[in-house]
Amino acid sequence: MTNTLYCFGESGNAYKAALCLTLAGVPWQPRFVDFFNGEARGAEFRAINPMGEVPVLDAGGKILTQSGLIQTWVMDETGKLAGASAADRQEILRWILFDNQKVSGTAGPLRFLMNFAPEDKRDAGVIGYLTGRMKAALSILEGVLSTRDWIACDSVSAADIACAGYLYYPENFNFTRADYPAISAWLTRLAHQPNWAHPYDLMPAPTLGKDDGFRDA
């Protein structure tokens, strides 16, 4: 049975789930959620996910929400992207949690605020605060990736997909790859994995236009 991922192209959190499914070889199909026109806040969608968020994975009738949980499900179901040992698995989960709180947790709202929110809502103070928090988290990643190819273990894992989730997007959110050479090299390694795809190719096309600036990863 094909799994259905509720998603839309601009969502970095949905991209983490979509890319994890794809690299692990789990069959899936996208179900576009018209987020920018309010679908995720509607009663029909909230009956599926009361949190009103993507991603949502319908795995043969089993509903899974939150990117970290979906990534964990992929590891459990396939044994892929999960490292080689229980210690690897714990380290992967540690970095998924780090991403959710520190990397995506700041890059996501920062990118939304700078690109998709109405201009009168783009508070400079909030943008500055989120930028500082994101750069602090990225400096941690840069340090780790300056000493190893992958974040959590000796092979690509769900931790890499989690932490990279927002970093392929072309919109400006005060992240410049040239400022982080180890991160940039890691993003290139990940993009060279079999079946890797850019978020705007993997999920339903963005509704607000796109720029191909980071497509050549």
N, C-alpha and C. Protein backbone atom coordinates (compact mmCIF):
# COMPACT_ATOMS: atom_id res chain seq x y z
N MET A 1 0.84 -1.19 0.00
CA MET A 1 0.00 0.00 0.00
C MET A 1 0.88 1.25 0.00
N THR A 2 0.55 2.21 -0.85
CA THR A 2 1.33 3.44 -0.93
C THR A 2 0.97 4.36 0.22
N ASN A 3 1.98 4.91 0.84
CA ASN A 3 1.78 5.85 1.93
C ASN A 3 1.53 7.24 1.35
N THR A 4 0.72 8.02 2.04
CA THR A 4 0.38 9.37 1.60
C THR A 4 0.96 10.39 2.56
N LEU A 5 1.73 11.33 2.01
CA LEU A 5 2.32 12.39 2.82
C LEU A 5 1.61 13.70 2.50
N TYR A 6 0.97 14.25 3.50
CA TYR A 6 0.36 15.58 3.39
C TYR A 6 1.48 16.60 3.50
N CYS A 7 1.64 17.43 2.47
CA CYS A 7 2.81 18.30 2.41
C CYS A 7 2.58 19.44 1.44
N PHE A 8 3.52 20.37 1.40
CA PHE A 8 3.58 21.38 0.36
C PHE A 8 5.03 21.81 0.22
N GLY A 9 5.39 22.30 -0.95
CA GLY A 9 6.79 22.47 -1.30
C GLY A 9 7.58 23.37 -0.39
N GLU A 10 6.95 24.40 0.15
CA GLU A 10 7.70 25.36 0.97
C GLU A 10 8.02 24.85 2.37
N SER A 11 7.44 23.76 2.77
CA SER A 11 7.59 23.29 4.16
C SER A 11 8.86 22.48 4.36
N GLY A 12 9.81 23.05 5.09
CA GLY A 12 11.03 22.32 5.40
C GLY A 12 10.78 21.12 6.28
N ASN A 13 9.79 21.21 7.17
CA ASN A 13 9.48 20.06 8.01
C ASN A 13 8.91 18.92 7.18
N ALA A 14 8.05 19.24 6.22
CA ALA A 14 7.53 18.20 5.33
C ALA A 14 8.66 17.61 4.48
N TYR A 15 9.61 18.46 4.10
CA TYR A 15 10.73 17.97 3.28
C TYR A 15 11.54 16.92 4.03
N LYS A 16 11.74 17.11 5.33
CA LYS A 16 12.47 16.11 6.11
C LYS A 16 11.80 14.74 6.02
N ALA A 17 10.47 14.74 6.15
CA ALA A 17 9.73 13.48 6.06
C ALA A 17 9.80 12.91 4.66
N ALA A 18 9.58 13.76 3.64
CA ALA A 18 9.58 13.30 2.25
C ALA A 18 10.93 12.73 1.85
N LEU A 19 12.01 13.43 2.24
CA LEU A 19 13.34 12.97 1.86
C LEU A 19 13.71 11.69 2.60
N CYS A 20 13.31 11.58 3.84
CA CYS A 20 13.59 10.36 4.60
C CYS A 20 12.89 9.16 3.95
N LEU A 21 11.62 9.32 3.61
CA LEU A 21 10.89 8.26 2.93
C LEU A 21 11.57 7.88 1.63
N THR A 22 11.99 8.89 0.87
CA THR A 22 12.57 8.65 -0.45
C THR A 22 13.92 7.93 -0.35
N LEU A 23 14.80 8.42 0.51
CA LEU A 23 16.13 7.82 0.61
C LEU A 23 16.08 6.42 1.21
N ALA A 24 15.05 6.16 2.01
CA ALA A 24 14.91 4.82 2.60
C ALA A 24 14.16 3.86 1.67
N GLY A 25 13.69 4.36 0.54
CA GLY A 25 13.00 3.50 -0.41
C GLY A 25 11.58 3.16 -0.04
N VAL A 26 10.94 3.99 0.79
CA VAL A 26 9.55 3.75 1.18
C VAL A 26 8.64 4.39 0.13
N PRO A 27 7.75 3.62 -0.48
CA PRO A 27 6.86 4.22 -1.49
C PRO A 27 5.89 5.20 -0.84
N TRP A 28 5.71 6.34 -1.50
CA TRP A 28 4.79 7.34 -0.97
C TRP A 28 4.29 8.22 -2.10
N GLN A 29 3.18 8.87 -1.83
CA GLN A 29 2.64 9.83 -2.77
C GLN A 29 2.31 11.11 -2.01
N PRO A 30 2.48 12.26 -2.65
CA PRO A 30 2.17 13.51 -1.96
C PRO A 30 0.68 13.83 -2.03
N ARG A 31 0.22 14.45 -0.99
CA ARG A 31 -1.12 15.04 -0.99
C ARG A 31 -0.93 16.52 -0.65
N PHE A 32 -1.06 17.39 -1.65
CA PHE A 32 -0.80 18.81 -1.47
C PHE A 32 -1.76 19.42 -0.46
N VAL A 33 -1.19 20.18 0.48
CA VAL A 33 -1.97 20.94 1.45
C VAL A 33 -1.81 22.41 1.11
N ASP A 34 -2.91 23.08 0.85
CA ASP A 34 -2.88 24.49 0.44
C ASP A 34 -2.74 25.37 1.68
N PHE A 35 -1.57 25.31 2.27
CA PHE A 35 -1.31 25.98 3.55
C PHE A 35 -1.56 27.48 3.46
N PHE A 36 -1.09 28.12 2.40
CA PHE A 36 -1.15 29.58 2.33
C PHE A 36 -2.56 30.11 2.11
N ASN A 37 -3.48 29.22 1.76
CA ASN A 37 -4.89 29.61 1.68
C ASN A 37 -5.71 29.02 2.81
N GLY A 38 -5.01 28.57 3.87
CA GLY A 38 -5.70 28.22 5.11
C GLY A 38 -6.17 26.80 5.26
N GLU A 39 -5.80 25.90 4.34
CA GLU A 39 -6.33 24.54 4.44
C GLU A 39 -5.96 23.86 5.75
N ALA A 40 -4.72 24.07 6.21
CA ALA A 40 -4.27 23.39 7.43
C ALA A 40 -5.03 23.84 8.67
N ARG A 41 -5.70 24.99 8.57
CA ARG A 41 -6.48 25.48 9.71
C ARG A 41 -7.96 25.12 9.61
N GLY A 42 -8.32 24.46 8.52
CA GLY A 42 -9.71 24.10 8.32
C GLY A 42 -10.12 22.85 9.09
N ALA A 43 -11.42 22.70 9.24
CA ALA A 43 -11.96 21.59 10.05
C ALA A 43 -11.61 20.23 9.44
N GLU A 44 -11.63 20.13 8.12
CA GLU A 44 -11.35 18.83 7.48
C GLU A 44 -9.93 18.38 7.76
N PHE A 45 -8.97 19.32 7.66
CA PHE A 45 -7.58 18.93 7.92
C PHE A 45 -7.37 18.69 9.41
N ARG A 46 -7.96 19.51 10.25
CA ARG A 46 -7.76 19.33 11.70
C ARG A 46 -8.39 18.04 12.20
N ALA A 47 -9.32 17.48 11.46
CA ALA A 47 -9.84 16.16 11.83
C ALA A 47 -8.77 15.09 11.63
N ILE A 48 -7.82 15.37 10.73
CA ILE A 48 -6.70 14.46 10.51
C ILE A 48 -5.57 14.77 11.48
N ASN A 49 -5.24 16.04 11.62
CA ASN A 49 -4.19 16.47 12.54
C ASN A 49 -4.66 17.71 13.29
N PRO A 50 -5.12 17.54 14.55
CA PRO A 50 -5.60 18.68 15.32
C PRO A 50 -4.56 19.78 15.51
N MET A 51 -3.27 19.45 15.31
CA MET A 51 -2.22 20.46 15.44
C MET A 51 -2.22 21.45 14.28
N GLY A 52 -2.91 21.09 13.19
CA GLY A 52 -3.00 21.99 12.05
C GLY A 52 -1.68 22.22 11.35
N GLU A 53 -0.86 21.17 11.23
CA GLU A 53 0.48 21.29 10.66
C GLU A 53 0.74 20.16 9.68
N VAL A 54 1.66 20.43 8.76
CA VAL A 54 2.28 19.35 7.98
C VAL A 54 3.69 19.18 8.52
N PRO A 55 4.28 18.00 8.34
CA PRO A 55 3.78 16.86 7.58
C PRO A 55 2.82 15.98 8.38
N VAL A 56 1.98 15.29 7.62
CA VAL A 56 1.17 14.20 8.15
C VAL A 56 1.39 13.01 7.22
N LEU A 57 1.71 11.86 7.80
CA LEU A 57 1.88 10.64 7.00
C LEU A 57 0.72 9.70 7.31
N ASP A 58 -0.02 9.34 6.26
CA ASP A 58 -1.03 8.29 6.36
C ASP A 58 -0.37 7.00 5.88
N ALA A 59 0.04 6.20 6.84
CA ALA A 59 0.74 4.94 6.55
C ALA A 59 -0.25 3.79 6.64
N GLY A 60 -0.98 3.58 5.55
CA GLY A 60 -1.97 2.51 5.53
C GLY A 60 -3.06 2.68 6.56
N GLY A 61 -3.48 3.91 6.80
CA GLY A 61 -4.52 4.20 7.77
C GLY A 61 -3.99 4.62 9.13
N LYS A 62 -2.72 4.42 9.37
CA LYS A 62 -2.10 4.89 10.60
C LYS A 62 -1.60 6.31 10.37
N ILE A 63 -2.08 7.26 11.16
CA ILE A 63 -1.75 8.67 10.97
C ILE A 63 -0.59 9.05 11.88
N LEU A 64 0.46 9.56 11.25
CA LEU A 64 1.64 10.00 11.99
C LEU A 64 1.87 11.48 11.70
N THR A 65 2.10 12.27 12.74
CA THR A 65 2.40 13.68 12.57
C THR A 65 3.70 14.03 13.27
N GLN A 66 4.26 15.16 12.90
CA GLN A 66 5.55 15.66 13.34
C GLN A 66 6.68 14.97 12.57
N SER A 67 7.56 15.78 12.00
CA SER A 67 8.62 15.23 11.15
C SER A 67 9.51 14.25 11.90
N GLY A 68 9.86 14.55 13.15
CA GLY A 68 10.74 13.66 13.90
C GLY A 68 10.13 12.28 14.11
N LEU A 69 8.82 12.25 14.37
CA LEU A 69 8.14 10.96 14.55
C LEU A 69 8.11 10.20 13.24
N ILE A 70 7.83 10.89 12.14
CA ILE A 70 7.80 10.21 10.84
C ILE A 70 9.18 9.67 10.50
N GLN A 71 10.22 10.43 10.76
CA GLN A 71 11.57 9.94 10.52
C GLN A 71 11.87 8.71 11.38
N THR A 72 11.44 8.73 12.62
CA THR A 72 11.64 7.59 13.50
C THR A 72 10.90 6.37 12.98
N TRP A 73 9.67 6.58 12.49
CA TRP A 73 8.89 5.48 11.90
C TRP A 73 9.63 4.89 10.71
N VAL A 74 10.20 5.73 9.85
CA VAL A 74 10.95 5.23 8.69
C VAL A 74 12.12 4.36 9.16
N MET A 75 12.86 4.81 10.16
CA MET A 75 13.97 4.01 10.68
C MET A 75 13.49 2.68 11.23
N ASP A 76 12.39 2.71 11.98
CA ASP A 76 11.85 1.48 12.57
C ASP A 76 11.37 0.51 11.50
N GLU A 77 10.71 1.03 10.48
CA GLU A 77 10.11 0.18 9.45
C GLU A 77 11.14 -0.43 8.52
N THR A 78 12.20 0.32 8.23
CA THR A 78 13.13 -0.10 7.18
C THR A 78 14.51 -0.49 7.70
N GLY A 79 14.88 -0.01 8.88
CA GLY A 79 16.23 -0.20 9.37
C GLY A 79 17.24 0.69 8.67
N LYS A 80 16.79 1.55 7.77
CA LYS A 80 17.68 2.43 7.01
C LYS A 80 17.76 3.80 7.66
N LEU A 81 18.86 4.50 7.36
CA LEU A 81 19.11 5.85 7.90
C LEU A 81 19.18 5.84 9.41
N ALA A 82 19.48 4.67 9.97
CA ALA A 82 19.41 4.48 11.42
C ALA A 82 20.74 4.11 12.05
N GLY A 83 21.85 4.20 11.28
CA GLY A 83 23.13 3.83 11.83
C GLY A 83 23.29 2.33 11.93
N ALA A 84 24.35 1.93 12.64
CA ALA A 84 24.69 0.50 12.71
C ALA A 84 24.52 -0.09 14.10
N SER A 85 24.14 0.70 15.07
CA SER A 85 24.08 0.20 16.44
C SER A 85 23.05 0.98 17.25
N ALA A 86 22.76 0.47 18.44
CA ALA A 86 21.85 1.18 19.33
C ALA A 86 22.42 2.53 19.74
N ALA A 87 23.73 2.59 19.90
CA ALA A 87 24.37 3.86 20.24
C ALA A 87 24.21 4.87 19.10
N ASP A 88 24.33 4.40 17.86
CA ASP A 88 24.10 5.27 16.71
C ASP A 88 22.67 5.80 16.73
N ARG A 89 21.74 4.92 16.99
CA ARG A 89 20.32 5.31 17.00
C ARG A 89 20.06 6.39 18.04
N GLN A 90 20.64 6.24 19.22
CA GLN A 90 20.47 7.26 20.25
C GLN A 90 21.06 8.59 19.80
N GLU A 91 22.22 8.54 19.15
CA GLU A 91 22.85 9.77 18.68
C GLU A 91 22.01 10.42 17.58
N ILE A 92 21.42 9.61 16.72
CA ILE A 92 20.55 10.15 15.68
C ILE A 92 19.35 10.87 16.29
N LEU A 93 18.73 10.24 17.26
CA LEU A 93 17.58 10.86 17.92
C LEU A 93 17.98 12.14 18.64
N ARG A 94 19.19 12.15 19.22
CA ARG A 94 19.67 13.36 19.89
C ARG A 94 19.75 14.52 18.91
N TRP A 95 20.26 14.26 17.72
CA TRP A 95 20.41 15.33 16.73
C TRP A 95 19.08 15.70 16.08
N ILE A 96 18.16 14.77 15.96
CA ILE A 96 16.82 15.13 15.48
C ILE A 96 16.17 16.10 16.46
N LEU A 97 16.30 15.83 17.75
CA LEU A 97 15.74 16.73 18.75
C LEU A 97 16.46 18.08 18.73
N PHE A 98 17.77 18.05 18.56
CA PHE A 98 18.52 19.31 18.43
C PHE A 98 18.01 20.12 17.25
N ASP A 99 17.83 19.45 16.12
CA ASP A 99 17.32 20.17 14.96
C ASP A 99 15.95 20.78 15.24
N ASN A 100 15.05 19.98 15.78
CA ASN A 100 13.70 20.48 16.00
C ASN A 100 13.67 21.72 16.88
N GLN A 101 14.56 21.75 17.86
CA GLN A 101 14.58 22.88 18.80
C GLN A 101 15.45 24.03 18.32
N LYS A 102 16.58 23.73 17.71
CA LYS A 102 17.60 24.75 17.48
C LYS A 102 17.78 25.16 16.02
N VAL A 103 17.76 24.21 15.10
CA VAL A 103 18.02 24.54 13.70
C VAL A 103 16.69 24.86 13.01
N SER A 104 15.87 23.85 12.76
CA SER A 104 14.57 24.11 12.15
C SER A 104 13.70 25.00 13.03
N GLY A 105 13.87 24.86 14.34
CA GLY A 105 13.08 25.65 15.27
C GLY A 105 13.30 27.14 15.16
N THR A 106 14.43 27.54 14.56
CA THR A 106 14.68 28.96 14.32
C THR A 106 14.67 29.28 12.82
N ALA A 107 15.29 28.42 12.00
CA ALA A 107 15.34 28.68 10.56
C ALA A 107 13.94 28.70 9.95
N GLY A 108 13.06 27.83 10.41
CA GLY A 108 11.71 27.76 9.85
C GLY A 108 10.93 29.06 10.05
N PRO A 109 10.74 29.49 11.29
CA PRO A 109 10.02 30.75 11.48
C PRO A 109 10.73 31.96 10.90
N LEU A 110 12.07 31.94 10.90
CA LEU A 110 12.81 33.05 10.32
C LEU A 110 12.55 33.14 8.82
N ARG A 111 12.62 32.02 8.12
CA ARG A 111 12.37 32.01 6.68
C ARG A 111 10.94 32.43 6.38
N PHE A 112 10.00 31.96 7.18
CA PHE A 112 8.60 32.35 6.97
C PHE A 112 8.43 33.85 7.16
N LEU A 113 9.00 34.36 8.22
CA LEU A 113 8.84 35.78 8.54
C LEU A 113 9.45 36.66 7.46
N MET A 114 10.62 36.27 6.93
CA MET A 114 11.33 37.10 5.97
C MET A 114 10.78 37.00 4.55
N ASN A 115 10.01 35.94 4.27
CA ASN A 115 9.61 35.70 2.89
C ASN A 115 8.10 35.58 2.66
N PHE A 116 7.38 35.03 3.61
CA PHE A 116 5.99 34.70 3.36
C PHE A 116 5.00 35.49 4.21
N ALA A 117 5.45 36.03 5.33
CA ALA A 117 4.56 36.85 6.16
C ALA A 117 4.31 38.19 5.49
N PRO A 118 3.17 38.82 5.75
CA PRO A 118 2.94 40.17 5.22
C PRO A 118 4.06 41.11 5.67
N GLU A 119 4.42 42.03 4.82
CA GLU A 119 5.57 42.89 5.10
C GLU A 119 5.41 43.66 6.40
N ASP A 120 4.19 44.04 6.75
CA ASP A 120 4.00 44.80 7.99
C ASP A 120 4.14 43.93 9.24
N LYS A 121 4.31 42.61 9.03
CA LYS A 121 4.50 41.69 10.16
C LYS A 121 5.96 41.27 10.32
N ARG A 122 6.83 41.79 9.47
CA ARG A 122 8.24 41.35 9.48
C ARG A 122 9.04 42.20 10.46
N ASP A 123 8.87 41.90 11.71
CA ASP A 123 9.48 42.69 12.77
C ASP A 123 11.00 42.52 12.77
N ALA A 124 11.73 43.61 12.66
CA ALA A 124 13.19 43.55 12.56
C ALA A 124 13.82 42.97 13.82
N GLY A 125 13.22 43.28 14.98
CA GLY A 125 13.76 42.74 16.22
C GLY A 125 13.63 41.24 16.30
N VAL A 126 12.49 40.72 15.89
CA VAL A 126 12.29 39.27 15.89
C VAL A 126 13.22 38.61 14.89
N ILE A 127 13.35 39.22 13.71
CA ILE A 127 14.26 38.67 12.69
C ILE A 127 15.69 38.63 13.22
N GLY A 128 16.12 39.68 13.89
CA GLY A 128 17.47 39.70 14.45
C GLY A 128 17.66 38.64 15.52
N TYR A 129 16.66 38.47 16.38
CA TYR A 129 16.75 37.46 17.44
C TYR A 129 16.84 36.06 16.85
N LEU A 130 15.94 35.74 15.91
CA LEU A 130 15.94 34.41 15.31
C LEU A 130 17.22 34.16 14.52
N THR A 131 17.72 35.19 13.85
CA THR A 131 18.97 35.04 13.11
C THR A 131 20.12 34.66 14.04
N GLY A 132 20.19 35.33 15.18
CA GLY A 132 21.24 35.02 16.14
C GLY A 132 21.14 33.61 16.67
N ARG A 133 19.92 33.18 16.96
CA ARG A 133 19.72 31.82 17.46
C ARG A 133 20.07 30.78 16.39
N MET A 134 19.65 31.04 15.15
CA MET A 134 19.97 30.10 14.08
C MET A 134 21.48 30.00 13.87
N LYS A 135 22.16 31.13 13.84
CA LYS A 135 23.60 31.11 13.59
C LYS A 135 24.35 30.41 14.72
N ALA A 136 23.85 30.53 15.94
CA ALA A 136 24.48 29.82 17.05
C ALA A 136 24.34 28.31 16.86
N ALA A 137 23.17 27.87 16.41
CA ALA A 137 22.96 26.43 16.17
C ALA A 137 23.81 25.96 15.00
N LEU A 138 23.88 26.77 13.94
CA LEU A 138 24.68 26.38 12.78
C LEU A 138 26.17 26.32 13.10
N SER A 139 26.61 27.15 14.03
CA SER A 139 28.02 27.09 14.42
C SER A 139 28.35 25.76 15.09
N ILE A 140 27.38 25.20 15.81
CA ILE A 140 27.58 23.88 16.41
C ILE A 140 27.69 22.82 15.31
N LEU A 141 26.78 22.88 14.33
CA LEU A 141 26.85 21.94 13.21
C LEU A 141 28.17 22.08 12.46
N GLU A 142 28.59 23.32 12.23
CA GLU A 142 29.83 23.55 11.50
C GLU A 142 31.01 22.90 12.22
N GLY A 143 31.03 23.01 13.55
CA GLY A 143 32.11 22.40 14.31
C GLY A 143 32.13 20.89 14.20
N VAL A 144 30.96 20.27 14.30
CA VAL A 144 30.88 18.82 14.19
C VAL A 144 31.27 18.36 12.79
N LEU A 145 30.76 19.05 11.78
CA LEU A 145 31.00 18.61 10.40
C LEU A 145 32.38 18.96 9.89
N SER A 146 33.11 19.74 10.64
CA SER A 146 34.51 19.98 10.27
C SER A 146 35.39 18.80 10.63
N THR A 147 34.85 17.84 11.40
CA THR A 147 35.64 16.68 11.83
C THR A 147 35.11 15.36 11.31
N ARG A 148 33.93 15.37 10.67
CA ARG A 148 33.34 14.12 10.20
C ARG A 148 32.42 14.40 9.02
N ASP A 149 32.10 13.35 8.25
CA ASP A 149 31.27 13.52 7.05
C ASP A 149 29.79 13.64 7.38
N TRP A 150 29.35 12.90 8.42
CA TRP A 150 27.94 12.86 8.75
C TRP A 150 27.76 13.22 10.23
N ILE A 151 26.60 13.71 10.58
CA ILE A 151 26.41 14.31 11.90
C ILE A 151 26.49 13.30 13.03
N ALA A 152 25.74 12.20 12.90
CA ALA A 152 25.52 11.34 14.07
C ALA A 152 26.32 10.05 14.07
N CYS A 153 26.71 9.56 12.89
CA CYS A 153 27.40 8.28 12.82
C CYS A 153 28.23 8.24 11.54
N ASP A 154 28.70 7.07 11.18
CA ASP A 154 29.63 6.96 10.04
C ASP A 154 28.94 6.89 8.69
N SER A 155 27.65 6.97 8.67
CA SER A 155 26.89 6.95 7.40
C SER A 155 25.78 7.97 7.47
N VAL A 156 25.23 8.29 6.31
CA VAL A 156 24.12 9.24 6.28
C VAL A 156 22.96 8.68 7.10
N SER A 157 22.29 9.54 7.83
CA SER A 157 21.21 9.09 8.70
C SER A 157 20.08 10.11 8.71
N ALA A 158 19.02 9.75 9.40
CA ALA A 158 17.89 10.66 9.55
C ALA A 158 18.29 11.96 10.23
N ALA A 159 19.36 11.93 11.01
CA ALA A 159 19.83 13.15 11.65
C ALA A 159 20.31 14.17 10.63
N ASP A 160 21.00 13.69 9.60
CA ASP A 160 21.46 14.59 8.54
C ASP A 160 20.28 15.20 7.79
N ILE A 161 19.29 14.38 7.49
CA ILE A 161 18.12 14.87 6.78
C ILE A 161 17.38 15.91 7.63
N ALA A 162 17.27 15.65 8.93
CA ALA A 162 16.60 16.60 9.82
C ALA A 162 17.30 17.95 9.83
N CYS A 163 18.60 17.92 10.07
CA CYS A 163 19.34 19.18 10.23
C CYS A 163 19.48 19.93 8.92
N ALA A 164 19.37 19.23 7.79
CA ALA A 164 19.50 19.88 6.49
C ALA A 164 18.16 20.37 5.95
N GLY A 165 17.09 20.06 6.64
CA GLY A 165 15.75 20.26 6.09
C GLY A 165 15.47 21.62 5.50
N TYR A 166 15.94 22.68 6.16
CA TYR A 166 15.67 24.03 5.67
C TYR A 166 16.82 24.60 4.85
N LEU A 167 17.95 23.95 4.82
CA LEU A 167 19.16 24.61 4.31
C LEU A 167 19.33 24.53 2.80
N TYR A 168 18.44 23.82 2.11
CA TYR A 168 18.48 23.81 0.65
C TYR A 168 17.57 24.86 0.02
N TYR A 169 16.75 25.51 0.83
CA TYR A 169 15.79 26.46 0.26
C TYR A 169 16.49 27.72 -0.25
N PRO A 170 16.04 28.25 -1.39
CA PRO A 170 16.72 29.40 -1.99
C PRO A 170 16.33 30.75 -1.40
N GLU A 171 15.20 30.82 -0.71
CA GLU A 171 14.78 32.12 -0.19
C GLU A 171 15.77 32.64 0.85
N ASN A 172 15.89 33.93 0.94
CA ASN A 172 16.80 34.53 1.92
C ASN A 172 16.26 34.37 3.34
N PHE A 173 17.07 33.75 4.20
CA PHE A 173 16.74 33.75 5.63
C PHE A 173 18.03 33.90 6.44
N ASN A 174 18.93 34.70 5.89
CA ASN A 174 20.20 35.04 6.55
C ASN A 174 21.11 33.83 6.74
N PHE A 175 20.97 32.85 5.86
CA PHE A 175 21.90 31.72 5.81
C PHE A 175 22.62 31.76 4.48
N THR A 176 23.95 31.83 4.54
CA THR A 176 24.78 31.84 3.33
C THR A 176 25.75 30.67 3.42
N ARG A 177 25.68 29.77 2.46
CA ARG A 177 26.51 28.56 2.52
C ARG A 177 27.99 28.88 2.59
N ALA A 178 28.41 29.93 1.91
CA ALA A 178 29.84 30.27 1.89
C ALA A 178 30.37 30.59 3.28
N ASP A 179 29.51 30.97 4.20
CA ASP A 179 29.93 31.28 5.56
C ASP A 179 30.20 30.03 6.39
N TYR A 180 29.76 28.87 5.87
CA TYR A 180 29.87 27.60 6.61
C TYR A 180 30.43 26.54 5.67
N PRO A 181 31.73 26.52 5.45
CA PRO A 181 32.29 25.58 4.46
C PRO A 181 32.05 24.12 4.78
N ALA A 182 32.09 23.74 6.06
CA ALA A 182 31.85 22.33 6.40
C ALA A 182 30.39 21.96 6.17
N ILE A 183 29.48 22.85 6.52
CA ILE A 183 28.06 22.61 6.26
C ILE A 183 27.81 22.53 4.76
N SER A 184 28.42 23.43 4.00
CA SER A 184 28.22 23.43 2.55
C SER A 184 28.70 22.12 1.92
N ALA A 185 29.86 21.64 2.34
CA ALA A 185 30.36 20.37 1.81
C ALA A 185 29.44 19.21 2.19
N TRP A 186 28.91 19.24 3.40
CA TRP A 186 27.98 18.21 3.87
C TRP A 186 26.68 18.24 3.07
N LEU A 187 26.15 19.43 2.79
CA LEU A 187 24.94 19.53 1.98
C LEU A 187 25.18 18.96 0.58
N THR A 188 26.37 19.17 0.05
CA THR A 188 26.70 18.59 -1.25
C THR A 188 26.77 17.08 -1.17
N ARG A 189 27.39 16.54 -0.11
CA ARG A 189 27.44 15.08 0.06
C ARG A 189 26.03 14.50 0.13
N LEU A 190 25.17 15.14 0.89
CA LEU A 190 23.81 14.64 1.03
C LEU A 190 23.07 14.70 -0.30
N ALA A 191 23.29 15.78 -1.05
CA ALA A 191 22.62 15.92 -2.34
C ALA A 191 23.10 14.91 -3.37
N HIS A 192 24.24 14.27 -3.11
CA HIS A 192 24.75 13.25 -4.02
C HIS A 192 24.26 11.85 -3.66
N GLN A 193 23.45 11.72 -2.62
CA GLN A 193 22.89 10.41 -2.28
C GLN A 193 21.90 9.98 -3.36
N PRO A 194 21.86 8.68 -3.66
CA PRO A 194 20.90 8.20 -4.67
C PRO A 194 19.48 8.60 -4.33
N ASN A 195 18.78 9.14 -5.33
CA ASN A 195 17.38 9.54 -5.24
C ASN A 195 17.14 10.83 -4.46
N TRP A 196 18.22 11.51 -4.03
CA TRP A 196 18.02 12.82 -3.41
C TRP A 196 17.30 13.74 -4.39
N ALA A 197 16.46 14.60 -3.87
CA ALA A 197 15.79 15.60 -4.70
C ALA A 197 15.61 16.88 -3.90
N HIS A 198 15.66 17.99 -4.61
CA HIS A 198 15.40 19.31 -4.03
C HIS A 198 13.95 19.36 -3.54
N PRO A 199 13.69 20.11 -2.45
CA PRO A 199 12.31 20.14 -1.93
C PRO A 199 11.28 20.56 -2.95
N TYR A 200 11.63 21.50 -3.84
CA TYR A 200 10.66 21.96 -4.82
C TYR A 200 10.49 21.00 -5.99
N ASP A 201 11.31 19.95 -6.03
CA ASP A 201 11.12 18.87 -6.99
C ASP A 201 10.45 17.66 -6.35
N LEU A 202 10.69 17.47 -5.07
CA LEU A 202 10.21 16.27 -4.38
C LEU A 202 8.74 16.40 -3.97
N MET A 203 8.33 17.61 -3.63
CA MET A 203 6.97 17.84 -3.16
C MET A 203 6.22 18.74 -4.13
N PRO A 204 4.91 18.84 -3.99
CA PRO A 204 4.14 19.69 -4.90
C PRO A 204 4.73 21.08 -5.00
N ALA A 205 4.76 21.61 -6.22
CA ALA A 205 5.45 22.86 -6.53
C ALA A 205 4.99 23.99 -5.62
N PRO A 206 5.91 24.89 -5.29
CA PRO A 206 5.56 26.00 -4.39
C PRO A 206 4.51 26.90 -5.01
N THR A 207 3.69 27.45 -4.17
CA THR A 207 2.59 28.29 -4.63
C THR A 207 3.00 29.74 -4.78
N LEU A 208 4.15 30.12 -4.23
CA LEU A 208 4.54 31.52 -4.21
C LEU A 208 5.73 31.81 -5.11
N GLY A 209 6.08 30.91 -6.02
CA GLY A 209 7.22 31.14 -6.89
C GLY A 209 8.50 30.59 -6.28
N LYS A 210 9.51 30.37 -7.11
CA LYS A 210 10.74 29.80 -6.60
C LYS A 210 11.93 30.33 -7.40
N ASP A 211 13.09 30.19 -6.79
CA ASP A 211 14.35 30.56 -7.41
C ASP A 211 15.23 29.34 -7.34
N ASP A 212 15.92 29.02 -8.41
CA ASP A 212 16.72 27.80 -8.45
C ASP A 212 18.13 27.97 -7.92
N GLY A 213 18.36 29.01 -7.12
CA GLY A 213 19.72 29.35 -6.73
C GLY A 213 20.48 28.28 -5.98
N PHE A 214 19.82 27.44 -5.19
CA PHE A 214 20.51 26.42 -4.42
C PHE A 214 20.32 25.03 -5.04
N ARG A 215 19.75 24.97 -6.23
CA ARG A 215 19.45 23.67 -6.81
C ARG A 215 20.72 22.91 -7.16
N ASP A 216 21.77 23.61 -7.53
CA ASP A 216 23.04 22.95 -7.84
C ASP A 216 23.84 22.74 -6.56
N ALA A 217 23.40 21.76 -5.77
CA ALA A 217 24.02 21.53 -4.47
C ALA A 217 25.26 20.69 -4.61
